[in-house]
Amino acid sequence: MVRAWLLSTLALSCSLAWAAELDSIEVSNERKRYFVRSSATLDASIDAVYNTLIDFDEYEKFSSVYDDARWLTRNADDSGEIYTYTRGCILFVCRGFGRTETVLATKPTFIETRVDPTRSKVRYGTSVWNLEAVGDKTRLDFAFDFEPDFWVPPVVGPYVVKKVLRKGGVDALDRIEALARQKQAQPTLESEPVPLQ
């Protein structure tokens, strides 16, 4: 269950492929709360990366731990509410669970999600993506803090959680960059020439 939640949340943010560069990743914990800080450079435009990250209906493409991911409400400014359902295992315990989060966004540089603990298996959770154009690439800084609402074994739990977060982040960057490059390569209706007859 911890693995599914960790991978599903972190999958919204990181991995290594094409020319993606994971500049840094730090995973730490203090008592029951976990913290992730990462920076990466993706070989895709800021608009394409933003549009990939804000497309919560497509999160199942980031990670196989998602059984369901979707907007519940979405406003014109990309704020709203999302729901995800993930399934996974830590050690020998496998579970599935849903969570609901509020989304705040400033296109194309900022996305933040805040977990609603009354409708999630998390006591506390926030994810923040800061995007910056660096030429034709995008620098992605990610901060993720959470405290699960379920038991994590005290001796091996923190080690396993940190390992899952680190691996999940690196794996997800590949997929995010690839999806952003696909979005970037797709012609828009405005850019397609209209034949005259």
Protein backbone atom coordinates (compact mmCIF):
# COMPACT_ATOMS: atom_id res chain seq x y z
CA MET A 1 0.00 0.00 0.00
CA VAL A 2 2.80 2.41 0.85
CA ARG A 3 4.57 1.46 -2.38
CA ALA A 4 1.47 2.13 -4.49
CA TRP A 5 0.82 5.47 -2.86
CA LEU A 6 4.44 6.53 -3.09
CA LEU A 7 4.88 5.46 -6.69
CA SER A 8 1.57 6.93 -7.74
CA THR A 9 2.29 10.29 -6.18
CA LEU A 10 5.89 10.50 -7.21
CA ALA A 11 5.08 9.22 -10.67
CA LEU A 12 3.37 12.59 -11.16
CA SER A 13 6.82 14.12 -11.16
CA CYS A 14 10.12 12.39 -12.16
CA SER A 15 12.49 9.82 -14.41
CA LEU A 16 15.45 9.41 -16.86
CA ALA A 17 15.26 8.96 -20.67
CA TRP A 18 15.85 10.66 -23.98
CA ALA A 19 17.93 13.54 -22.67
CA ALA A 20 16.21 13.83 -19.29
CA GLU A 21 18.67 14.56 -16.56
CA LEU A 22 17.93 13.89 -12.92
CA ASP A 23 20.01 16.64 -11.35
CA SER A 24 19.26 15.72 -7.74
CA ILE A 25 16.91 13.73 -5.56
CA GLU A 26 16.76 13.71 -1.78
CA VAL A 27 14.44 11.52 0.25
CA SER A 28 14.21 11.90 4.01
CA ASN A 29 11.84 11.24 6.86
CA GLU A 30 11.17 12.64 10.28
CA ARG A 31 9.08 10.35 12.42
CA LYS A 32 6.03 9.45 10.31
CA ARG A 33 6.41 12.20 7.69
CA TYR A 34 8.38 11.75 4.46
CA PHE A 35 9.97 14.44 2.26
CA VAL A 36 11.16 14.30 -1.35
CA ARG A 37 13.03 17.05 -3.15
CA SER A 38 14.15 16.60 -6.73
CA SER A 39 15.33 18.60 -9.71
CA ALA A 40 15.43 17.40 -13.30
CA THR A 41 15.89 18.77 -16.78
CA LEU A 42 13.54 17.40 -19.43
CA ASP A 43 14.10 17.61 -23.15
CA ALA A 44 10.68 19.12 -23.90
CA SER A 45 9.15 22.58 -23.87
CA ILE A 46 7.70 24.05 -20.70
CA ASP A 47 4.20 24.07 -22.22
CA ALA A 48 4.44 20.38 -23.17
CA VAL A 49 5.73 19.37 -19.73
CA TYR A 50 3.06 21.44 -17.96
CA ASN A 51 0.30 20.00 -20.18
CA THR A 52 1.54 16.48 -19.44
CA LEU A 53 1.69 17.00 -15.67
CA ILE A 54 -1.71 18.73 -15.46
CA ASP A 55 -3.42 15.97 -17.47
CA PHE A 56 -4.46 13.90 -14.46
CA ASP A 57 -6.74 11.76 -16.64
CA GLU A 58 -3.57 10.33 -18.23
CA TYR A 59 -1.68 9.43 -15.04
CA GLU A 60 -2.16 5.73 -15.63
CA LYS A 61 0.45 6.17 -18.41
CA PHE A 62 3.02 7.33 -15.85
CA SER A 63 2.83 4.28 -13.63
CA SER A 64 1.18 0.86 -13.55
CA VAL A 65 0.19 1.40 -9.89
CA TYR A 66 -2.71 3.61 -11.03
CA ASP A 67 -5.98 1.75 -11.43
CA ASP A 68 -7.86 5.03 -11.77
CA ALA A 69 -6.83 8.68 -12.10
CA ARG A 70 -9.16 11.50 -13.11
CA TRP A 71 -10.31 15.03 -12.64
CA LEU A 72 -13.41 15.28 -10.44
CA THR A 73 -13.80 18.98 -11.20
CA ARG A 74 -11.61 21.12 -13.43
CA ASN A 75 -11.77 24.87 -13.83
CA ALA A 76 -10.53 26.95 -16.78
CA ASP A 77 -7.44 27.97 -14.75
CA ASP A 78 -6.52 24.26 -14.19
CA SER A 79 -7.55 24.36 -10.53
CA GLY A 80 -9.99 21.79 -9.24
CA GLU A 81 -10.10 18.41 -7.59
CA ILE A 82 -8.64 15.04 -8.61
CA TYR A 83 -9.17 11.44 -7.55
CA THR A 84 -6.69 8.59 -7.85
CA TYR A 85 -6.93 4.92 -6.92
CA THR A 86 -3.73 2.95 -6.59
CA ARG A 87 -2.87 -0.61 -5.75
CA GLY A 88 0.49 -1.96 -4.64
CA CYS A 89 2.55 -3.88 -2.13
CA ILE A 90 5.16 -3.20 0.50
CA LEU A 91 6.98 -6.25 1.76
CA PHE A 92 4.19 -8.89 1.85
CA VAL A 93 1.18 -6.63 2.37
CA CYS A 94 -0.81 -5.57 -0.72
CA ARG A 95 -3.65 -3.08 -0.70
CA GLY A 96 -5.49 -0.55 -2.80
CA PHE A 97 -6.83 2.85 -1.82
CA GLY A 98 -8.14 6.13 -3.18
CA ARG A 99 -7.28 9.70 -2.41
CA THR A 100 -8.75 13.08 -3.26
CA GLU A 101 -6.63 16.20 -3.77
CA THR A 102 -7.19 19.88 -4.45
CA VAL A 103 -5.23 21.25 -7.42
CA LEU A 104 -3.87 24.80 -7.72
CA ALA A 105 -2.01 25.86 -10.87
CA THR A 106 -0.41 28.78 -12.68
CA LYS A 107 0.12 27.88 -16.33
CA PRO A 108 2.83 26.94 -17.35
CA THR A 109 5.09 27.30 -14.30
CA PHE A 110 3.38 25.88 -11.19
CA ILE A 111 1.19 22.97 -10.04
CA GLU A 112 0.33 22.13 -6.43
CA THR A 113 -1.85 19.36 -5.02
CA ARG A 114 -3.10 19.14 -1.44
CA VAL A 115 -4.52 15.91 -0.07
CA ASP A 116 -7.92 16.01 1.61
CA PRO A 117 -7.21 13.73 4.61
CA THR A 118 -10.92 13.24 5.30
CA ARG A 119 -11.24 11.48 1.92
CA SER A 120 -7.82 9.83 1.68
CA LYS A 121 -5.55 7.31 3.41
CA VAL A 122 -3.09 10.10 4.17
CA ARG A 123 -2.91 12.33 7.23
CA TYR A 124 -1.03 15.01 5.30
CA GLY A 125 0.19 15.39 1.73
CA THR A 126 1.33 18.08 -0.69
CA SER A 127 3.04 17.96 -4.06
CA VAL A 128 4.54 21.03 -5.73
CA TRP A 129 5.94 21.20 -9.27
CA ASN A 130 7.84 24.35 -10.29
CA LEU A 131 8.69 24.54 -13.98
CA GLU A 132 11.17 26.87 -15.67
CA ALA A 133 12.03 27.16 -19.38
CA VAL A 134 15.74 26.64 -20.02
CA GLY A 135 16.11 27.21 -23.75
CA ASP A 136 13.99 24.54 -25.41
CA LYS A 137 14.15 22.31 -22.31
CA THR A 138 12.34 22.47 -18.96
CA ARG A 139 13.77 22.46 -15.47
CA LEU A 140 11.38 20.67 -13.12
CA ASP A 141 11.74 21.15 -9.36
CA PHE A 142 9.53 18.88 -7.29
CA ALA A 143 8.69 18.89 -3.58
CA PHE A 144 6.56 16.16 -2.04
CA ASP A 145 5.66 15.85 1.65
CA PHE A 146 3.36 13.23 3.10
CA GLU A 147 2.35 11.37 6.21
CA PRO A 148 0.48 8.10 5.62
CA ASP A 149 -2.66 7.23 7.55
CA PHE A 150 -1.59 3.61 7.83
CA TRP A 151 1.07 1.71 9.70
CA VAL A 152 4.62 1.68 8.28
CA PRO A 153 6.91 -0.90 9.94
CA PRO A 154 9.33 1.16 12.06
CA VAL A 155 12.53 -0.82 11.40
CA VAL A 156 12.40 -1.44 7.62
CA GLY A 157 9.58 0.95 6.71
CA PRO A 158 11.58 4.17 6.28
CA TYR A 159 14.25 2.34 4.25
CA VAL A 160 11.68 0.74 1.93
CA VAL A 161 9.72 3.99 1.56
CA LYS A 162 12.88 5.92 0.62
CA LYS A 163 13.93 3.23 -1.86
CA VAL A 164 10.47 3.19 -3.48
CA LEU A 165 10.36 6.99 -3.72
CA ARG A 166 13.81 7.20 -5.30
CA LYS A 167 13.17 4.39 -7.82
CA GLY A 168 9.65 5.59 -8.62
CA GLY A 169 10.87 9.12 -9.28
CA VAL A 170 13.61 8.04 -11.64
CA ASP A 171 11.30 5.66 -13.54
CA ALA A 172 8.52 8.23 -13.92
CA LEU A 173 10.75 10.90 -15.52
CA ASP A 174 11.18 8.68 -18.58
CA ARG A 175 7.47 8.46 -19.11
CA ILE A 176 6.73 12.11 -18.39
CA GLU A 177 9.41 13.29 -20.79
CA ALA A 178 8.25 10.88 -23.52
CA LEU A 179 4.62 11.99 -23.14
CA ALA A 180 5.65 15.66 -23.17
CA ARG A 181 7.69 15.12 -26.34
CA GLN A 182 4.65 13.48 -27.96
CA LYS A 183 2.46 16.43 -27.00
CA GLN A 184 5.11 18.82 -28.31
CA ALA A 185 5.28 16.98 -31.66
CA GLN A 186 1.50 16.99 -32.20
CA PRO A 187 0.41 19.82 -34.48
CA THR A 188 -2.22 22.13 -33.08
CA LEU A 189 -5.27 23.22 -35.00
CA GLU A 190 -3.95 26.78 -35.08
CA SER A 191 -0.65 25.73 -36.68
CA GLU A 192 -2.09 23.51 -39.43
CA PRO A 193 -2.46 25.18 -42.80
CA VAL A 194 -6.01 25.31 -44.09
CA PRO A 195 -6.25 24.41 -47.78
CA LEU A 196 -8.08 26.94 -49.93
CA GLN A 197 -10.49 25.63 -52.50
